[in-house]
Amino acid sequence: MDNQPYNPLHGITLKTIVETLVDFYGFEALGQHININCFTNDPSIKSSLKFLRKTPWAREKVEQFYIKNLNKFPK
């Protein structure tokens, strides 16, 4: 039985979220939308994931931005 029938992030890894956002927006535009250092100062997927995994408030911002923009991403 599925415990999260309408969780849009269910089954989606943080890595997938960050890669999707970076592919779509690029780090520069992403840093303008979500002003956190992991996207604005010498960004990389690896360093962003490391930061987001240990910083709940930043991860929440990224996840909410991803959900808000889900309809823009190619399937």
Protein backbone atom coordinates (compact mmCIF):
# COMPACT_ATOMS: atom_id res chain seq x y z
CA MET A 1 0.00 0.00 0.00
CA ASP A 2 1.29 3.47 -0.90
CA ASN A 3 1.53 5.75 2.16
CA GLN A 4 2.00 8.89 0.08
CA PRO A 5 -0.57 8.87 -2.71
CA TYR A 6 -0.20 12.56 -3.51
CA ASN A 7 3.34 13.42 -2.54
CA PRO A 8 4.79 14.86 -5.77
CA LEU A 9 8.29 14.08 -4.50
CA HIS A 10 7.57 10.43 -3.70
CA GLY A 11 10.20 8.28 -5.38
CA ILE A 12 12.23 11.26 -6.62
CA THR A 13 15.75 11.59 -5.24
CA LEU A 14 17.33 14.88 -4.25
CA LYS A 15 19.95 14.25 -6.93
CA THR A 16 17.22 13.99 -9.59
CA ILE A 17 15.62 17.20 -8.33
CA VAL A 18 18.88 19.17 -8.43
CA GLU A 19 19.93 17.75 -11.82
CA THR A 20 16.51 18.55 -13.32
CA LEU A 21 16.60 22.12 -12.01
CA VAL A 22 20.18 22.69 -13.18
CA ASP A 23 19.46 21.19 -16.62
CA PHE A 24 16.40 23.40 -17.02
CA TYR A 25 17.58 26.68 -15.46
CA GLY A 26 21.37 26.43 -15.19
CA PHE A 27 23.15 27.39 -11.98
CA GLU A 28 23.07 31.14 -12.64
CA ALA A 29 19.30 31.38 -13.10
CA LEU A 30 18.69 28.84 -10.35
CA GLY A 31 20.75 30.99 -7.98
CA GLN A 32 18.53 33.95 -8.87
CA HIS A 33 15.37 31.96 -8.08
CA ILE A 34 16.77 30.29 -4.95
CA ASN A 35 19.44 32.54 -3.47
CA ILE A 36 21.60 30.06 -1.60
CA ASN A 37 25.37 29.83 -1.85
CA CYS A 38 25.45 26.29 -3.20
CA PHE A 39 23.91 27.68 -6.42
CA THR A 40 25.69 31.05 -6.57
CA ASN A 41 29.29 30.51 -5.40
CA ASP A 42 31.33 28.02 -7.47
CA PRO A 43 28.35 25.67 -7.89
CA SER A 44 28.45 21.99 -8.78
CA ILE A 45 25.93 19.17 -8.50
CA LYS A 46 28.13 17.37 -5.97
CA SER A 47 28.68 20.37 -3.67
CA SER A 48 25.01 21.39 -3.91
CA LEU A 49 23.85 17.90 -2.92
CA LYS A 50 26.28 17.82 0.01
CA PHE A 51 24.98 21.17 1.27
CA LEU A 52 21.30 20.40 0.74
CA ARG A 53 21.52 17.02 2.47
CA LYS A 54 22.73 18.63 5.69
CA THR A 55 20.68 21.86 5.52
CA PRO A 56 16.95 21.15 5.90
CA TRP A 57 15.72 24.73 5.30
CA ALA A 58 17.63 24.95 2.01
CA ARG A 59 16.46 21.51 0.89
CA GLU A 60 12.87 22.54 1.63
CA LYS A 61 13.28 25.65 -0.57
CA VAL A 62 14.66 23.57 -3.44
CA GLU A 63 11.94 20.92 -3.12
CA GLN A 64 9.17 23.54 -3.04
CA PHE A 65 10.63 25.33 -6.07
CA TYR A 66 10.81 22.00 -7.91
CA ILE A 67 7.16 21.18 -7.10
CA LYS A 68 6.04 24.68 -8.13
CA ASN A 69 7.75 24.27 -11.52
CA LEU A 70 7.01 20.59 -12.23
CA ASN A 71 4.77 21.42 -15.20
CA LYS A 72 7.68 23.21 -16.99
CA PHE A 73 10.05 20.25 -17.14
CA PRO A 74 10.11 17.96 -20.17
CA LYS A 75 8.72 14.49 -19.48
